[in-house]
Amino acid sequence: MPTKDPMNMDRSMSSDPSTPELARRRLLAIRLFFGAGGALVVSAALPWVNAGGLISVHLSGGGILYVLLFAAAYAGAGYRIRQRLENRTLLIGAWVVDAWMAINVIVLFATFGGQGDQTSGVSPSIGVFAAGAGVVAGIVATVHLQRIHGSAG
């Protein structure tokens, strides 16, 4: 009798994901959390506001520390998943960080996005976009973490 390949199992046989599927989700969550942290680190060095196309404004020292703190939170989540230390507390913490960072990026886009005032020439710059990409990666990683945690428990 031929053995069944776990990578090609019929999904209708079981609602629980197979071990290779969980491993794939875990690896993707790790990579996305590290990517989110990396994007935030890069965004801290880039200009966040562009005024009239002539002046670029970077974050202050406190702003850089603030962004690096959240980058460390994302990287720490990736490290904990890599060490197989994920738990409900990590999942809740990841959702809280995602929500807070999403609010930060949305407020920055709303503040510098022009809101109909095209005469000021103030617009978000590449740093805000990089931070936004990091937040999106963090949210996707958290969704994968949620799926891992839900499947394991």
Protein backbone atom coordinates (compact mmCIF):
# COMPACT_ATOMS: atom_id res chain seq x y z
CA MET A 1 0.00 0.00 0.00
CA PRO A 2 1.52 3.37 -0.97
CA THR A 3 2.24 5.83 1.80
CA LYS A 4 0.56 9.19 1.75
CA ASP A 5 2.67 12.23 1.18
CA PRO A 6 1.81 14.82 3.89
CA MET A 7 2.39 17.64 1.39
CA ASN A 8 -0.32 16.31 -0.95
CA MET A 9 -2.93 15.16 1.55
CA ASP A 10 -6.54 15.67 0.63
CA ARG A 11 -7.73 18.72 2.59
CA SER A 12 -11.21 17.23 2.97
CA MET A 13 -9.80 14.42 5.14
CA SER A 14 -9.08 16.71 8.07
CA SER A 15 -9.86 20.26 9.00
CA ASP A 16 -6.60 20.56 10.93
CA PRO A 17 -3.59 21.66 8.92
CA SER A 18 -0.81 19.15 8.53
CA THR A 19 2.53 19.47 10.27
CA PRO A 20 4.27 20.73 7.10
CA GLU A 21 1.55 23.36 6.72
CA LEU A 22 2.08 24.57 10.30
CA ALA A 23 5.84 24.63 9.71
CA ARG A 24 5.30 26.72 6.57
CA ARG A 25 3.05 29.16 8.44
CA ARG A 26 5.55 29.40 11.30
CA LEU A 27 8.43 30.11 8.92
CA LEU A 28 6.40 32.73 7.07
CA ALA A 29 5.39 34.42 10.34
CA ILE A 30 9.04 34.49 11.45
CA ARG A 31 10.17 36.05 8.18
CA LEU A 32 7.36 38.60 8.18
CA PHE A 33 8.01 39.69 11.78
CA PHE A 34 11.73 40.11 11.07
CA GLY A 35 10.84 41.95 7.85
CA ALA A 36 8.46 44.24 9.71
CA GLY A 37 11.16 45.07 12.24
CA GLY A 38 13.69 45.66 9.47
CA ALA A 39 11.33 47.96 7.58
CA LEU A 40 10.80 50.03 10.73
CA VAL A 41 14.55 50.27 11.33
CA VAL A 42 15.09 51.45 7.75
CA SER A 43 12.20 53.92 8.04
CA ALA A 44 13.81 55.50 11.10
CA ALA A 45 16.77 56.57 8.95
CA LEU A 46 14.68 57.91 6.08
CA PRO A 47 12.91 61.28 5.82
CA TRP A 48 9.29 61.21 7.03
CA VAL A 49 8.00 64.55 5.73
CA ASN A 50 8.61 66.30 2.45
CA ALA A 51 7.90 70.03 2.32
CA GLY A 52 7.48 71.42 -1.15
CA GLY A 53 9.86 68.91 -2.67
CA LEU A 54 12.80 70.92 -1.32
CA ILE A 55 13.00 70.11 2.38
CA SER A 56 13.01 66.64 3.89
CA VAL A 57 12.36 66.24 7.60
CA HIS A 58 13.78 63.28 9.51
CA LEU A 59 12.62 61.96 12.86
CA SER A 60 14.05 63.47 16.03
CA GLY A 61 16.02 61.38 18.50
CA GLY A 62 12.87 60.54 20.45
CA GLY A 63 11.04 59.60 17.26
CA ILE A 64 13.85 57.31 16.20
CA LEU A 65 13.84 55.65 19.63
CA TYR A 66 10.05 55.24 19.41
CA VAL A 67 10.23 53.54 16.00
CA LEU A 68 13.18 51.35 17.03
CA LEU A 69 11.26 50.23 20.12
CA PHE A 70 8.44 48.90 17.94
CA ALA A 71 10.95 47.39 15.50
CA ALA A 72 12.42 45.51 18.46
CA ALA A 73 8.93 44.33 19.43
CA TYR A 74 8.38 42.89 15.95
CA ALA A 75 11.84 41.29 15.86
CA GLY A 76 11.32 39.91 19.37
CA ALA A 77 8.07 38.29 18.26
CA GLY A 78 9.89 36.70 15.33
CA TYR A 79 12.60 35.43 17.66
CA ARG A 80 10.08 33.94 20.09
CA ILE A 81 8.30 32.12 17.27
CA ARG A 82 11.64 30.87 15.96
CA GLN A 83 12.41 29.46 19.42
CA ARG A 84 8.89 27.92 19.48
CA LEU A 85 7.91 30.06 22.46
CA GLU A 86 4.74 31.47 20.94
CA ASN A 87 1.78 31.63 23.29
CA ARG A 88 -1.45 33.53 23.79
CA THR A 89 0.32 36.47 25.46
CA LEU A 90 2.59 36.92 22.44
CA LEU A 91 -0.43 36.79 20.15
CA ILE A 92 -2.32 39.44 22.13
CA GLY A 93 0.79 41.61 22.35
CA ALA A 94 1.33 41.34 18.60
CA TRP A 95 -2.25 42.47 17.92
CA VAL A 96 -1.83 45.42 20.31
CA VAL A 97 1.43 46.50 18.64
CA ASP A 98 -0.15 46.10 15.19
CA ALA A 99 -3.17 48.20 16.17
CA TRP A 100 -1.06 50.95 17.72
CA MET A 101 1.35 51.13 14.80
CA ALA A 102 -1.51 51.11 12.28
CA ILE A 103 -3.07 54.06 14.13
CA ASN A 104 0.28 55.88 14.07
CA VAL A 105 0.74 55.40 10.32
CA ILE A 106 -2.89 56.32 9.53
CA VAL A 107 -2.60 59.51 11.59
CA LEU A 108 0.64 60.44 9.81
CA PHE A 109 -0.94 59.88 6.40
CA ALA A 110 -4.01 61.88 7.43
CA THR A 111 -1.91 64.71 8.86
CA PHE A 112 0.54 65.03 5.99
CA GLY A 113 -1.64 63.62 3.23
CA GLY A 114 -3.00 67.01 2.27
CA GLN A 115 -6.66 66.64 3.32
CA GLY A 116 -7.59 68.94 0.46
CA ASP A 117 -4.94 71.54 1.34
CA GLN A 118 -2.69 71.31 -1.72
CA THR A 119 -1.15 74.76 -1.19
CA SER A 120 1.03 73.77 1.77
CA GLY A 121 3.08 71.23 -0.19
CA VAL A 122 3.67 69.12 2.92
CA SER A 123 3.42 65.41 2.20
CA PRO A 124 4.52 62.12 3.74
CA SER A 125 7.91 60.96 2.54
CA ILE A 126 9.55 57.58 2.02
CA GLY A 127 9.99 56.92 5.75
CA VAL A 128 6.24 56.87 6.33
CA PHE A 129 5.77 54.51 3.39
CA ALA A 130 8.50 52.18 4.70
CA ALA A 131 6.91 52.22 8.16
CA GLY A 132 3.53 51.50 6.58
CA ALA A 133 5.00 48.51 4.74
CA GLY A 134 6.47 47.30 8.03
CA VAL A 135 3.12 47.60 9.77
CA VAL A 136 1.38 45.68 6.97
CA ALA A 137 4.04 42.95 7.24
CA GLY A 138 3.51 42.87 11.01
CA ILE A 139 -0.25 42.49 10.60
CA VAL A 140 0.15 39.68 8.07
CA ALA A 141 2.66 37.97 10.40
CA THR A 142 0.21 38.27 13.28
CA VAL A 143 -2.55 36.71 11.17
CA HIS A 144 -0.22 33.77 10.46
CA LEU A 145 0.63 33.57 14.17
CA GLN A 146 -3.11 33.53 14.94
CA ARG A 147 -3.56 30.64 12.52
CA ILE A 148 -0.64 28.75 14.08
CA HIS A 149 -1.94 29.31 17.60
CA GLY A 150 -5.50 28.40 16.63
CA SER A 151 -4.36 25.19 14.94
CA ALA A 152 -2.13 24.09 17.78
CA GLY A 153 -4.64 24.65 20.56
